[in-house]
Amino acid sequence: MRHGNKVNHLGRKTGHRKAMLSNMACSLIEHKRITTTLAKAKTLRVFVEPILTKSKDDSTHSRRVVFSYLQNKEVVAELFRDVAPKIANRNGGYTRIIRTGNRLGDNAEMCLIELVDFNEIYTKDAVKKNTRRSRRGGSKKVDDSAPIVEQTESVESIEEAVVVDEVAEQAIVADEAAEVQVEENPAAETTGNESPEGDAGDKPAEEGDKEDTAS
């Protein structure tokens, strides 16, 4: 039973517990997310968030105070260089705990603790990739998000293209019909061309007959 024990000792003495939290805080700042037990994550959140708040003030005093907790110069430099600008506009709540189930063996409740501003999935700055699919042989589609003027112009251009296609199809059909008529009645042309010659050839014969009768 707890009976008002506000600090979770995590089964360790004071020195061991502080060293463990310092190492976990360094790992969290360096890798931006770590996997641990739920009890350790809750204790680490209480330990690391005041350090993150202190890093917003980039001064020699703040760096020395942060170094007294972390005991790692490379991590302190990364904290003030990379992490502090990201969390500058956030008033607390720098970490997120996501439960991942129980661990095999001792059945301890496991979780993932991460820095909120370095998660690309949940942040608003995440860029959405839009994929465009082309439709071959399909009709043109008017975009609803486009302005009204652009939509009307696109509709007019589509209508003009349809009218031109219809006129071209009518002309092709008329040409094909004319060719079919010529192919079906080739004798009409030949008879029309031979008739004048035949008449011209018959006239001399008639004149010759009249001369014979007169004689």
N, C-alpha and C. Protein backbone atom coordinates (compact mmCIF):
# COMPACT_ATOMS: atom_id res chain seq x y z
N MET A 1 0.85 -1.20 0.00
CA MET A 1 0.00 0.00 0.00
C MET A 1 0.88 1.25 0.00
N ARG A 2 0.44 2.27 -0.72
CA ARG A 2 1.27 3.45 -0.90
C ARG A 2 1.26 4.35 0.33
N HIS A 3 0.07 4.65 0.83
CA HIS A 3 -0.07 5.52 2.00
C HIS A 3 0.64 6.86 1.83
N GLY A 4 0.32 7.52 0.70
CA GLY A 4 0.85 8.86 0.50
C GLY A 4 2.28 8.91 0.01
N ASN A 5 2.84 7.83 -0.53
CA ASN A 5 4.19 7.87 -1.10
C ASN A 5 4.11 8.51 -2.49
N LYS A 6 4.46 9.78 -2.59
CA LYS A 6 4.29 10.53 -3.83
C LYS A 6 5.36 10.20 -4.86
N VAL A 7 6.46 9.64 -4.46
CA VAL A 7 7.56 9.32 -5.38
C VAL A 7 7.61 7.82 -5.56
N ASN A 8 7.63 7.39 -6.83
CA ASN A 8 7.79 5.98 -7.14
C ASN A 8 9.29 5.67 -7.13
N HIS A 9 9.74 4.90 -6.16
CA HIS A 9 11.17 4.62 -6.02
C HIS A 9 11.68 3.61 -7.04
N LEU A 10 10.78 2.93 -7.74
CA LEU A 10 11.13 1.99 -8.79
C LEU A 10 12.04 0.86 -8.31
N GLY A 11 11.97 0.56 -7.01
CA GLY A 11 12.77 -0.53 -6.46
C GLY A 11 14.25 -0.24 -6.43
N ARG A 12 14.66 1.04 -6.38
CA ARG A 12 16.07 1.41 -6.41
C ARG A 12 16.37 2.44 -5.34
N LYS A 13 17.62 2.53 -4.97
CA LYS A 13 18.04 3.58 -4.06
C LYS A 13 18.11 4.92 -4.80
N THR A 14 18.33 5.99 -4.05
CA THR A 14 18.27 7.33 -4.64
C THR A 14 19.31 7.52 -5.73
N GLY A 15 20.55 7.14 -5.47
CA GLY A 15 21.61 7.34 -6.46
C GLY A 15 21.37 6.54 -7.73
N HIS A 16 20.96 5.28 -7.55
CA HIS A 16 20.68 4.43 -8.70
C HIS A 16 19.51 4.98 -9.51
N ARG A 17 18.49 5.45 -8.85
CA ARG A 17 17.31 5.97 -9.53
C ARG A 17 17.64 7.24 -10.31
N LYS A 18 18.41 8.17 -9.74
CA LYS A 18 18.77 9.41 -10.43
C LYS A 18 19.65 9.13 -11.65
N ALA A 19 20.59 8.20 -11.51
CA ALA A 19 21.44 7.85 -12.64
C ALA A 19 20.63 7.22 -13.77
N MET A 20 19.69 6.36 -13.42
CA MET A 20 18.85 5.72 -14.43
C MET A 20 18.00 6.76 -15.16
N LEU A 21 17.37 7.68 -14.44
CA LEU A 21 16.54 8.70 -15.08
C LEU A 21 17.38 9.63 -15.94
N SER A 22 18.60 9.93 -15.50
CA SER A 22 19.48 10.77 -16.31
C SER A 22 19.83 10.08 -17.62
N ASN A 23 20.16 8.81 -17.58
CA ASN A 23 20.48 8.07 -18.80
C ASN A 23 19.26 7.95 -19.72
N MET A 24 18.09 7.72 -19.14
CA MET A 24 16.88 7.62 -19.96
C MET A 24 16.54 8.96 -20.60
N ALA A 25 16.75 10.07 -19.88
CA ALA A 25 16.50 11.39 -20.44
C ALA A 25 17.46 11.68 -21.59
N CYS A 26 18.72 11.28 -21.45
CA CYS A 26 19.69 11.47 -22.54
C CYS A 26 19.28 10.65 -23.76
N SER A 27 18.84 9.43 -23.55
CA SER A 27 18.40 8.60 -24.67
C SER A 27 17.17 9.19 -25.35
N LEU A 28 16.25 9.73 -24.56
CA LEU A 28 15.04 10.34 -25.13
C LEU A 28 15.38 11.57 -25.97
N ILE A 29 16.30 12.40 -25.49
CA ILE A 29 16.68 13.60 -26.25
C ILE A 29 17.45 13.22 -27.51
N GLU A 30 18.26 12.17 -27.42
CA GLU A 30 19.08 11.78 -28.56
C GLU A 30 18.27 11.06 -29.63
N HIS A 31 17.41 10.11 -29.23
CA HIS A 31 16.66 9.30 -30.19
C HIS A 31 15.22 9.77 -30.39
N LYS A 32 14.75 10.71 -29.60
CA LYS A 32 13.41 11.31 -29.69
C LYS A 32 12.29 10.37 -29.25
N ARG A 33 12.55 9.08 -29.06
CA ARG A 33 11.55 8.14 -28.52
C ARG A 33 12.27 6.90 -28.00
N ILE A 34 11.76 6.36 -26.90
CA ILE A 34 12.32 5.15 -26.32
C ILE A 34 11.18 4.27 -25.84
N THR A 35 11.45 2.99 -25.70
CA THR A 35 10.48 2.02 -25.19
C THR A 35 10.90 1.59 -23.79
N THR A 36 9.99 1.66 -22.85
CA THR A 36 10.28 1.30 -21.46
C THR A 36 8.97 0.89 -20.78
N THR A 37 9.04 0.63 -19.49
CA THR A 37 7.83 0.27 -18.76
C THR A 37 7.01 1.52 -18.46
N LEU A 38 5.74 1.33 -18.19
CA LEU A 38 4.86 2.46 -17.95
C LEU A 38 5.26 3.21 -16.68
N ALA A 39 5.66 2.50 -15.62
CA ALA A 39 6.05 3.17 -14.37
C ALA A 39 7.29 4.04 -14.58
N LYS A 40 8.29 3.53 -15.32
CA LYS A 40 9.49 4.32 -15.59
C LYS A 40 9.18 5.51 -16.49
N ALA A 41 8.28 5.32 -17.45
CA ALA A 41 7.95 6.41 -18.36
C ALA A 41 7.27 7.56 -17.62
N LYS A 42 6.36 7.25 -16.71
CA LYS A 42 5.70 8.30 -15.95
C LYS A 42 6.68 9.04 -15.05
N THR A 43 7.62 8.33 -14.45
CA THR A 43 8.64 8.99 -13.62
C THR A 43 9.59 9.81 -14.48
N LEU A 44 9.93 9.30 -15.68
CA LEU A 44 10.82 10.03 -16.58
C LEU A 44 10.17 11.31 -17.08
N ARG A 45 8.86 11.27 -17.32
CA ARG A 45 8.18 12.48 -17.78
C ARG A 45 8.28 13.59 -16.74
N VAL A 46 8.11 13.26 -15.48
CA VAL A 46 8.24 14.26 -14.41
C VAL A 46 9.68 14.77 -14.33
N PHE A 47 10.64 13.92 -14.68
CA PHE A 47 12.05 14.30 -14.57
C PHE A 47 12.51 15.17 -15.75
N VAL A 48 12.06 14.85 -16.96
CA VAL A 48 12.64 15.47 -18.15
C VAL A 48 11.91 16.73 -18.59
N GLU A 49 10.63 16.88 -18.29
CA GLU A 49 9.91 18.05 -18.80
C GLU A 49 10.41 19.36 -18.20
N PRO A 50 10.75 19.45 -16.90
CA PRO A 50 11.37 20.70 -16.42
C PRO A 50 12.70 21.01 -17.09
N ILE A 51 13.45 19.98 -17.48
CA ILE A 51 14.70 20.20 -18.20
C ILE A 51 14.43 20.77 -19.58
N LEU A 52 13.39 20.27 -20.27
CA LEU A 52 13.02 20.80 -21.58
C LEU A 52 12.55 22.25 -21.47
N THR A 53 11.82 22.57 -20.41
CA THR A 53 11.40 23.96 -20.21
C THR A 53 12.62 24.86 -19.98
N LYS A 54 13.60 24.37 -19.27
CA LYS A 54 14.80 25.15 -18.99
C LYS A 54 15.60 25.41 -20.26
N SER A 55 15.51 24.50 -21.22
CA SER A 55 16.29 24.65 -22.44
C SER A 55 15.78 25.76 -23.35
N LYS A 56 14.58 26.26 -23.11
CA LYS A 56 14.06 27.35 -23.93
C LYS A 56 14.87 28.64 -23.74
N ASP A 57 15.47 28.81 -22.56
CA ASP A 57 16.30 29.98 -22.29
C ASP A 57 17.76 29.59 -22.53
N ASP A 58 18.27 29.96 -23.69
CA ASP A 58 19.63 29.57 -24.07
C ASP A 58 20.64 30.53 -23.43
N SER A 59 21.03 30.22 -22.23
CA SER A 59 22.03 31.03 -21.51
C SER A 59 23.02 30.09 -20.83
N THR A 60 24.11 30.65 -20.36
CA THR A 60 25.13 29.84 -19.70
C THR A 60 24.60 29.21 -18.43
N HIS A 61 23.80 29.96 -17.69
CA HIS A 61 23.23 29.42 -16.45
C HIS A 61 22.30 28.24 -16.75
N SER A 62 21.45 28.37 -17.79
CA SER A 62 20.53 27.28 -18.14
C SER A 62 21.30 26.05 -18.59
N ARG A 63 22.35 26.24 -19.36
CA ARG A 63 23.14 25.10 -19.81
C ARG A 63 23.81 24.38 -18.63
N ARG A 64 24.27 25.13 -17.66
CA ARG A 64 24.91 24.51 -16.50
C ARG A 64 23.90 23.75 -15.64
N VAL A 65 22.70 24.31 -15.50
CA VAL A 65 21.66 23.62 -14.72
C VAL A 65 21.26 22.32 -15.41
N VAL A 66 21.08 22.37 -16.74
CA VAL A 66 20.70 21.18 -17.49
C VAL A 66 21.82 20.14 -17.44
N PHE A 67 23.07 20.59 -17.52
CA PHE A 67 24.19 19.65 -17.46
C PHE A 67 24.30 18.96 -16.10
N SER A 68 23.87 19.66 -15.04
CA SER A 68 23.92 19.05 -13.71
C SER A 68 22.98 17.86 -13.61
N TYR A 69 21.93 17.83 -14.43
CA TYR A 69 20.99 16.70 -14.43
C TYR A 69 21.41 15.61 -15.42
N LEU A 70 21.86 16.01 -16.62
CA LEU A 70 22.12 15.04 -17.68
C LEU A 70 23.55 14.50 -17.67
N GLN A 71 24.52 15.31 -17.28
CA GLN A 71 25.92 14.88 -17.20
C GLN A 71 26.45 14.38 -18.56
N ASN A 72 26.03 15.05 -19.63
CA ASN A 72 26.48 14.66 -20.98
C ASN A 72 26.51 15.91 -21.85
N LYS A 73 27.72 16.32 -22.25
CA LYS A 73 27.85 17.58 -22.99
C LYS A 73 27.25 17.48 -24.40
N GLU A 74 27.41 16.33 -25.07
CA GLU A 74 26.86 16.20 -26.42
C GLU A 74 25.33 16.28 -26.41
N VAL A 75 24.72 15.64 -25.43
CA VAL A 75 23.25 15.68 -25.34
C VAL A 75 22.77 17.09 -24.99
N VAL A 76 23.48 17.79 -24.13
CA VAL A 76 23.10 19.16 -23.78
C VAL A 76 23.19 20.05 -25.02
N ALA A 77 24.24 19.88 -25.82
CA ALA A 77 24.38 20.68 -27.04
C ALA A 77 23.25 20.39 -28.02
N GLU A 78 22.89 19.10 -28.17
CA GLU A 78 21.79 18.75 -29.08
C GLU A 78 20.46 19.28 -28.55
N LEU A 79 20.28 19.28 -27.24
CA LEU A 79 19.05 19.79 -26.65
C LEU A 79 18.85 21.26 -26.97
N PHE A 80 19.88 22.07 -26.78
CA PHE A 80 19.76 23.50 -27.01
C PHE A 80 19.80 23.85 -28.50
N ARG A 81 20.39 22.98 -29.32
CA ARG A 81 20.52 23.28 -30.75
C ARG A 81 19.32 22.81 -31.56
N ASP A 82 18.82 21.59 -31.31
CA ASP A 82 17.78 21.00 -32.15
C ASP A 82 16.41 20.95 -31.47
N VAL A 83 16.37 20.55 -30.21
CA VAL A 83 15.09 20.33 -29.55
C VAL A 83 14.44 21.64 -29.11
N ALA A 84 15.24 22.55 -28.54
CA ALA A 84 14.68 23.80 -28.01
C ALA A 84 13.92 24.62 -29.05
N PRO A 85 14.44 24.79 -30.29
CA PRO A 85 13.65 25.55 -31.29
C PRO A 85 12.32 24.90 -31.63
N LYS A 86 12.27 23.56 -31.57
CA LYS A 86 11.03 22.87 -31.92
C LYS A 86 9.95 23.08 -30.86
N ILE A 87 10.33 23.13 -29.60
CA ILE A 87 9.35 23.22 -28.51
C ILE A 87 9.19 24.65 -28.01
N ALA A 88 9.69 25.61 -28.76
CA ALA A 88 9.68 27.00 -28.29
C ALA A 88 8.26 27.52 -28.11
N ASN A 89 7.32 27.10 -28.95
CA ASN A 89 5.95 27.62 -28.90
C ASN A 89 5.00 26.71 -28.12
N ARG A 90 5.52 25.73 -27.42
CA ARG A 90 4.68 24.79 -26.68
C ARG A 90 4.82 25.05 -25.19
N ASN A 91 3.69 25.21 -24.52
CA ASN A 91 3.69 25.50 -23.08
C ASN A 91 3.45 24.20 -22.30
N GLY A 92 4.49 23.39 -22.18
CA GLY A 92 4.36 22.14 -21.44
C GLY A 92 3.82 21.03 -22.30
N GLY A 93 3.81 19.83 -21.74
CA GLY A 93 3.32 18.67 -22.48
C GLY A 93 4.22 18.31 -23.64
N TYR A 94 5.53 18.23 -23.39
CA TYR A 94 6.48 17.97 -24.46
C TYR A 94 6.58 16.50 -24.83
N THR A 95 6.08 15.61 -23.99
CA THR A 95 6.22 14.17 -24.22
C THR A 95 4.85 13.51 -24.36
N ARG A 96 4.85 12.34 -25.00
CA ARG A 96 3.63 11.56 -25.20
C ARG A 96 3.93 10.11 -24.83
N ILE A 97 3.02 9.49 -24.09
CA ILE A 97 3.17 8.09 -23.70
C ILE A 97 2.12 7.26 -24.44
N ILE A 98 2.57 6.26 -25.16
CA ILE A 98 1.69 5.37 -25.92
C ILE A 98 1.89 3.95 -25.40
N ARG A 99 0.84 3.36 -24.86
CA ARG A 99 0.93 2.01 -24.30
C ARG A 99 1.00 0.98 -25.42
N THR A 100 1.89 0.00 -25.24
CA THR A 100 2.13 -1.02 -26.27
C THR A 100 1.82 -2.43 -25.80
N GLY A 101 1.19 -2.60 -24.65
CA GLY A 101 0.84 -3.94 -24.17
C GLY A 101 1.76 -4.40 -23.06
N ASN A 102 1.63 -5.66 -22.69
CA ASN A 102 2.40 -6.24 -21.59
C ASN A 102 3.60 -7.02 -22.10
N ARG A 103 4.66 -7.04 -21.31
CA ARG A 103 5.90 -7.71 -21.66
C ARG A 103 5.81 -9.20 -21.31
N LEU A 104 6.34 -10.02 -22.20
CA LEU A 104 6.39 -11.45 -21.91
C LEU A 104 7.40 -11.73 -20.80
N GLY A 105 7.05 -12.61 -19.90
CA GLY A 105 7.94 -12.93 -18.79
C GLY A 105 7.37 -12.46 -17.48
N ASP A 106 7.52 -11.14 -17.20
CA ASP A 106 7.00 -10.61 -15.94
C ASP A 106 5.68 -9.89 -16.11
N ASN A 107 5.16 -9.81 -17.36
CA ASN A 107 3.85 -9.20 -17.64
C ASN A 107 3.82 -7.71 -17.27
N ALA A 108 4.98 -7.05 -17.36
CA ALA A 108 5.03 -5.62 -17.05
C ALA A 108 4.38 -4.83 -18.19
N GLU A 109 3.69 -3.77 -17.84
CA GLU A 109 3.01 -2.94 -18.83
C GLU A 109 4.04 -2.06 -19.53
N MET A 110 4.15 -2.22 -20.85
CA MET A 110 5.15 -1.50 -21.64
C MET A 110 4.51 -0.32 -22.36
N CYS A 111 5.37 0.64 -22.73
CA CYS A 111 4.87 1.82 -23.42
C CYS A 111 6.00 2.44 -24.23
N LEU A 112 5.61 3.39 -25.06
CA LEU A 112 6.54 4.17 -25.87
C LEU A 112 6.42 5.62 -25.44
N ILE A 113 7.52 6.24 -25.02
CA ILE A 113 7.51 7.65 -24.66
C ILE A 113 8.32 8.39 -25.71
N GLU A 114 7.77 9.50 -26.22
CA GLU A 114 8.40 10.23 -27.31
C GLU A 114 8.18 11.72 -27.15
N LEU A 115 8.99 12.50 -27.87
CA LEU A 115 8.82 13.94 -27.91
C LEU A 115 7.73 14.26 -28.92
N VAL A 116 6.76 15.07 -28.51
CA VAL A 116 5.57 15.31 -29.32
C VAL A 116 5.93 15.97 -30.65
N ASP A 117 6.81 16.96 -30.63
CA ASP A 117 7.08 17.77 -31.82
C ASP A 117 7.94 17.05 -32.85
N PHE A 118 8.46 15.88 -32.52
CA PHE A 118 9.29 15.15 -33.48
C PHE A 118 8.57 13.95 -34.06
N ASN A 119 7.27 13.85 -33.86
CA ASN A 119 6.48 12.79 -34.46
C ASN A 119 5.84 13.34 -35.73
N GLU A 120 6.25 12.80 -36.91
CA GLU A 120 5.77 13.31 -38.18
C GLU A 120 4.35 12.88 -38.51
N ILE A 121 3.84 11.88 -37.80
CA ILE A 121 2.50 11.38 -38.11
C ILE A 121 1.43 12.28 -37.50
N TYR A 122 1.63 12.71 -36.25
CA TYR A 122 0.60 13.45 -35.53
C TYR A 122 0.72 14.96 -35.68
N THR A 123 1.87 15.48 -36.16
CA THR A 123 2.05 16.92 -36.26
C THR A 123 1.27 17.46 -37.45
N LYS A 124 0.91 18.73 -37.38
CA LYS A 124 0.17 19.37 -38.46
C LYS A 124 1.06 19.70 -39.65
N ASP A 125 2.39 19.74 -39.43
CA ASP A 125 3.31 20.09 -40.49
C ASP A 125 3.59 18.93 -41.43
N ALA A 126 3.03 17.77 -41.14
CA ALA A 126 3.28 16.62 -42.00
C ALA A 126 2.69 16.87 -43.39
N VAL A 127 3.49 16.62 -44.41
CA VAL A 127 3.08 16.89 -45.78
C VAL A 127 2.35 15.67 -46.32
N LYS A 128 1.17 15.91 -46.91
CA LYS A 128 0.39 14.83 -47.50
C LYS A 128 0.76 14.70 -48.97
N LYS A 129 1.06 13.47 -49.36
CA LYS A 129 1.42 13.21 -50.74
C LYS A 129 0.17 12.88 -51.53
N ASN A 130 -0.09 13.69 -52.57
CA ASN A 130 -1.26 13.47 -53.42
C ASN A 130 -0.83 12.71 -54.67
N THR A 131 -1.46 11.57 -54.92
CA THR A 131 -1.15 10.78 -56.09
C THR A 131 -2.19 11.06 -57.16
N ARG A 132 -1.72 11.27 -58.39
CA ARG A 132 -2.61 11.54 -59.52
C ARG A 132 -2.65 10.33 -60.43
N ARG A 133 -3.86 9.87 -60.75
CA ARG A 133 -4.03 8.73 -61.62
C ARG A 133 -4.59 9.19 -62.95
N SER A 134 -3.93 8.82 -64.03
CA SER A 134 -4.38 9.21 -65.36
C SER A 134 -5.31 8.14 -65.91
N ARG A 135 -6.39 8.58 -66.55
CA ARG A 135 -7.36 7.66 -67.15
C ARG A 135 -7.18 7.70 -68.65
N ARG A 136 -6.73 6.58 -69.23
CA ARG A 136 -6.53 6.53 -70.68
C ARG A 136 -7.86 6.27 -71.36
N GLY A 137 -8.15 7.11 -72.34
CA GLY A 137 -9.38 6.94 -73.09
C GLY A 137 -10.62 7.41 -72.39
N GLY A 138 -10.49 7.97 -71.21
CA GLY A 138 -11.65 8.44 -70.46
C GLY A 138 -11.98 9.87 -70.80
N SER A 139 -13.18 10.28 -70.45
CA SER A 139 -13.60 11.66 -70.70
C SER A 139 -12.93 12.59 -69.71
N LYS A 140 -12.77 13.83 -70.11
CA LYS A 140 -12.15 14.82 -69.25
C LYS A 140 -13.07 15.16 -68.10
N LYS A 141 -12.47 15.28 -66.93
CA LYS A 141 -13.24 15.54 -65.72
C LYS A 141 -12.93 16.93 -65.20
N VAL A 142 -13.97 17.70 -64.90
CA VAL A 142 -13.80 19.06 -64.42
C VAL A 142 -13.55 19.02 -62.93
N ASP A 143 -12.54 19.75 -62.47
CA ASP A 143 -12.18 19.77 -61.06
C ASP A 143 -13.13 20.68 -60.31
N ASP A 144 -13.74 20.16 -59.21
CA ASP A 144 -14.66 20.97 -58.42
C ASP A 144 -13.94 22.06 -57.65
N SER A 145 -12.67 21.84 -57.30
CA SER A 145 -11.94 22.84 -56.52
C SER A 145 -11.43 23.98 -57.37
N ALA A 146 -11.48 23.88 -58.70
CA ALA A 146 -10.98 24.95 -59.55
C ALA A 146 -11.95 26.12 -59.52
N PRO A 147 -11.48 27.34 -59.86
CA PRO A 147 -12.38 28.50 -59.90
C PRO A 147 -13.45 28.34 -60.94
N ILE A 148 -14.54 29.13 -60.80
CA ILE A 148 -15.68 29.01 -61.71
C ILE A 148 -15.29 29.40 -63.13
N VAL A 149 -14.42 30.42 -63.28
CA VAL A 149 -14.02 30.87 -64.61
C VAL A 149 -13.29 29.77 -65.34
N GLU A 150 -12.35 29.11 -64.65
CA GLU A 150 -11.60 28.03 -65.28
C GLU A 150 -12.51 26.87 -65.64
N GLN A 151 -13.51 26.58 -64.79
CA GLN A 151 -14.43 25.49 -65.09
C GLN A 151 -15.24 25.79 -66.35
N THR A 152 -15.75 27.03 -66.49
CA THR A 152 -16.55 27.39 -67.66
C THR A 152 -15.71 27.32 -68.93
N GLU A 153 -14.43 27.80 -68.83
CA GLU A 153 -13.57 27.73 -70.01
C GLU A 153 -13.32 26.29 -70.42
N SER A 154 -13.10 25.43 -69.46
CA SER A 154 -12.85 24.03 -69.78
C SER A 154 -14.09 23.38 -70.40
N VAL A 155 -15.28 23.72 -69.89
CA VAL A 155 -16.52 23.16 -70.44
C VAL A 155 -16.72 23.63 -71.87
N GLU A 156 -16.48 24.95 -72.13
CA GLU A 156 -16.63 25.48 -73.48
C GLU A 156 -15.67 24.81 -74.46
N SER A 157 -14.41 24.62 -74.03
CA SER A 157 -13.43 23.97 -74.90
C SER A 157 -13.85 22.53 -75.20
N ILE A 158 -14.41 21.84 -74.22
CA ILE A 158 -14.87 20.46 -74.44
C ILE A 158 -16.02 20.45 -75.44
N GLU A 159 -16.99 21.40 -75.29
CA GLU A 159 -18.12 21.45 -76.22
C GLU A 159 -17.65 21.75 -77.64
N GLU A 160 -16.69 22.70 -77.81
CA GLU A 160 -16.17 23.01 -79.14
C GLU A 160 -15.51 21.78 -79.76
N ALA A 161 -14.76 21.06 -78.97
CA ALA A 161 -14.09 19.86 -79.49
C ALA A 161 -15.12 18.82 -79.94
N VAL A 162 -16.21 18.69 -79.18
CA VAL A 162 -17.26 17.73 -79.56
C VAL A 162 -17.92 18.14 -80.87
N VAL A 163 -18.21 19.46 -81.07
CA VAL A 163 -18.84 19.94 -82.30
C VAL A 163 -17.93 19.69 -83.50
N VAL A 164 -16.64 19.98 -83.34
CA VAL A 164 -15.68 19.75 -84.44
C VAL A 164 -15.64 18.27 -84.80
N ASP A 165 -15.64 17.41 -83.80
CA ASP A 165 -15.63 15.97 -84.07
C ASP A 165 -16.88 15.53 -84.82
N GLU A 166 -18.05 16.08 -84.44
CA GLU A 166 -19.29 15.71 -85.14
C GLU A 166 -19.26 16.16 -86.60
N VAL A 167 -18.76 17.38 -86.87
CA VAL A 167 -18.70 17.88 -88.26
C VAL A 167 -17.76 17.01 -89.08
N ALA A 168 -16.63 16.64 -88.49
CA ALA A 168 -15.67 15.79 -89.21
C ALA A 168 -16.29 14.42 -89.50
N GLU A 169 -17.03 13.87 -88.56
CA GLU A 169 -17.67 12.58 -88.79
C GLU A 169 -18.72 12.66 -89.89
N GLN A 170 -19.51 13.76 -89.93
CA GLN A 170 -20.51 13.93 -90.98
C GLN A 170 -19.86 14.02 -92.36
N ALA A 171 -18.73 14.74 -92.45
CA ALA A 171 -18.04 14.87 -93.72
C ALA A 171 -17.51 13.51 -94.18
N ILE A 172 -16.97 12.75 -93.25
CA ILE A 172 -16.45 11.42 -93.61
C ILE A 172 -17.58 10.52 -94.10
N VAL A 173 -18.74 10.58 -93.41
CA VAL A 173 -19.88 9.75 -93.82
C VAL A 173 -20.36 10.13 -95.21
N ALA A 174 -20.41 11.46 -95.52
CA ALA A 174 -20.84 11.91 -96.84
C ALA A 174 -19.88 11.44 -97.92
N ASP A 175 -18.58 11.52 -97.69
CA ASP A 175 -17.60 11.05 -98.67
C ASP A 175 -17.75 9.56 -98.92
N GLU A 176 -17.96 8.78 -97.84
CA GLU A 176 -18.13 7.34 -98.02
C GLU A 176 -19.39 7.01 -98.81
N ALA A 177 -20.48 7.77 -98.57
CA ALA A 177 -21.73 7.53 -99.33
C ALA A 177 -21.52 7.83 -100.81
N ALA A 178 -20.79 8.90 -101.14
CA ALA A 178 -20.54 9.23 -102.54
C ALA A 178 -19.70 8.16 -103.21
N GLU A 179 -18.69 7.65 -102.51
CA GLU A 179 -17.88 6.59 -103.09
C GLU A 179 -18.70 5.33 -103.34
N VAL A 180 -19.60 5.02 -102.40
CA VAL A 180 -20.45 3.83 -102.58
C VAL A 180 -21.35 3.99 -103.80
N GLN A 181 -21.92 5.18 -104.01
CA GLN A 181 -22.80 5.40 -105.17
C GLN A 181 -22.02 5.26 -106.47
N VAL A 182 -20.79 5.75 -106.49
CA VAL A 182 -19.99 5.63 -107.71
C VAL A 182 -19.66 4.18 -108.00
N GLU A 183 -19.35 3.43 -106.95
CA GLU A 183 -19.04 2.03 -107.16
C GLU A 183 -20.26 1.22 -107.60
N GLU A 184 -21.47 1.57 -107.12
CA GLU A 184 -22.68 0.81 -107.48
C GLU A 184 -23.14 1.10 -108.91
N ASN A 185 -22.96 2.31 -109.50
CA ASN A 185 -23.47 2.68 -110.83
C ASN A 185 -22.32 3.07 -111.75
N PRO A 186 -21.41 2.15 -112.10
CA PRO A 186 -20.35 2.52 -113.05
C PRO A 186 -20.86 2.56 -114.49
N ALA A 187 -21.98 1.82 -114.84
CA ALA A 187 -22.49 1.76 -116.22
C ALA A 187 -23.12 3.06 -116.64
N ALA A 188 -23.66 3.80 -115.63
CA ALA A 188 -24.33 5.07 -115.97
C ALA A 188 -23.35 6.03 -116.59
N GLU A 189 -22.12 6.06 -116.08
CA GLU A 189 -21.14 6.98 -116.62
C GLU A 189 -20.73 6.58 -118.03
N THR A 190 -20.53 5.25 -118.25
CA THR A 190 -20.10 4.79 -119.57
C THR A 190 -21.16 5.04 -120.61
N THR A 191 -22.45 4.79 -120.27
CA THR A 191 -23.53 5.01 -121.24
C THR A 191 -23.66 6.47 -121.57
N GLY A 192 -23.49 7.30 -120.59
CA GLY A 192 -23.58 8.73 -120.85
C GLY A 192 -22.48 9.20 -121.76
N ASN A 193 -21.30 8.62 -121.67
CA ASN A 193 -20.18 9.04 -122.50
C ASN A 193 -20.29 8.47 -123.91
N GLU A 194 -20.90 7.27 -124.10
CA GLU A 194 -20.96 6.64 -125.41
C GLU A 194 -22.11 7.15 -126.26
N SER A 195 -23.16 7.70 -125.64
CA SER A 195 -24.34 8.09 -126.40
C SER A 195 -24.06 9.18 -127.42
N PRO A 196 -23.30 10.21 -127.14
CA PRO A 196 -23.04 11.21 -128.19
C PRO A 196 -22.30 10.64 -129.35
N GLU A 197 -21.34 9.75 -129.10
CA GLU A 197 -20.58 9.16 -130.19
C GLU A 197 -21.47 8.33 -131.09
N GLY A 198 -22.39 7.57 -130.42
CA GLY A 198 -23.29 6.73 -131.21
C GLY A 198 -24.20 7.54 -132.11
N ASP A 199 -24.70 8.64 -131.64
CA ASP A 199 -25.57 9.49 -132.44
C ASP A 199 -24.81 10.08 -133.61
N ALA A 200 -23.56 10.48 -133.31
CA ALA A 200 -22.75 11.07 -134.38
C ALA A 200 -22.44 10.06 -135.46
N GLY A 201 -22.26 8.81 -135.07
CA GLY A 201 -21.96 7.77 -136.06
C GLY A 201 -23.16 7.36 -136.87
N ASP A 202 -24.36 7.51 -136.35
CA ASP A 202 -25.56 7.10 -137.07
C ASP A 202 -25.96 8.11 -138.14
N LYS A 203 -25.65 9.38 -137.98
CA LYS A 203 -26.08 10.41 -138.93
C LYS A 203 -25.52 10.22 -140.34
N PRO A 204 -24.29 9.94 -140.50
CA PRO A 204 -23.78 9.71 -141.87
C PRO A 204 -24.46 8.55 -142.57
N ALA A 205 -24.79 7.51 -141.78
CA ALA A 205 -25.46 6.36 -142.41
C ALA A 205 -26.82 6.75 -142.95
N GLU A 206 -27.58 7.55 -142.22
CA GLU A 206 -28.91 7.97 -142.68
C GLU A 206 -28.80 8.82 -143.92
N GLU A 207 -27.81 9.71 -143.96
CA GLU A 207 -27.63 10.55 -145.15
C GLU A 207 -27.31 9.70 -146.38
N GLY A 208 -26.51 8.62 -146.17
CA GLY A 208 -26.16 7.72 -147.30
C GLY A 208 -27.40 7.01 -147.82
N ASP A 209 -28.33 6.62 -146.99
CA ASP A 209 -29.56 5.97 -147.41
C ASP A 209 -30.42 6.89 -148.23
N LYS A 210 -30.48 8.19 -147.80
CA LYS A 210 -31.29 9.14 -148.56
C LYS A 210 -30.73 9.35 -149.99
N GLU A 211 -29.43 9.37 -150.14
CA GLU A 211 -28.83 9.55 -151.44
C GLU A 211 -29.17 8.39 -152.36
N ASP A 212 -29.16 7.15 -151.76
CA ASP A 212 -29.45 5.99 -152.56
C ASP A 212 -30.88 6.00 -153.09
N THR A 213 -31.81 6.43 -152.26
CA THR A 213 -33.20 6.48 -152.71
C THR A 213 -33.43 7.53 -153.77
N ALA A 214 -32.71 8.64 -153.62
CA ALA A 214 -32.87 9.73 -154.60
C ALA A 214 -32.35 9.31 -155.96
N SER A 215 -31.33 8.58 -156.00
CA SER A 215 -30.78 8.12 -157.26
C SER A 215 -31.68 7.07 -157.93
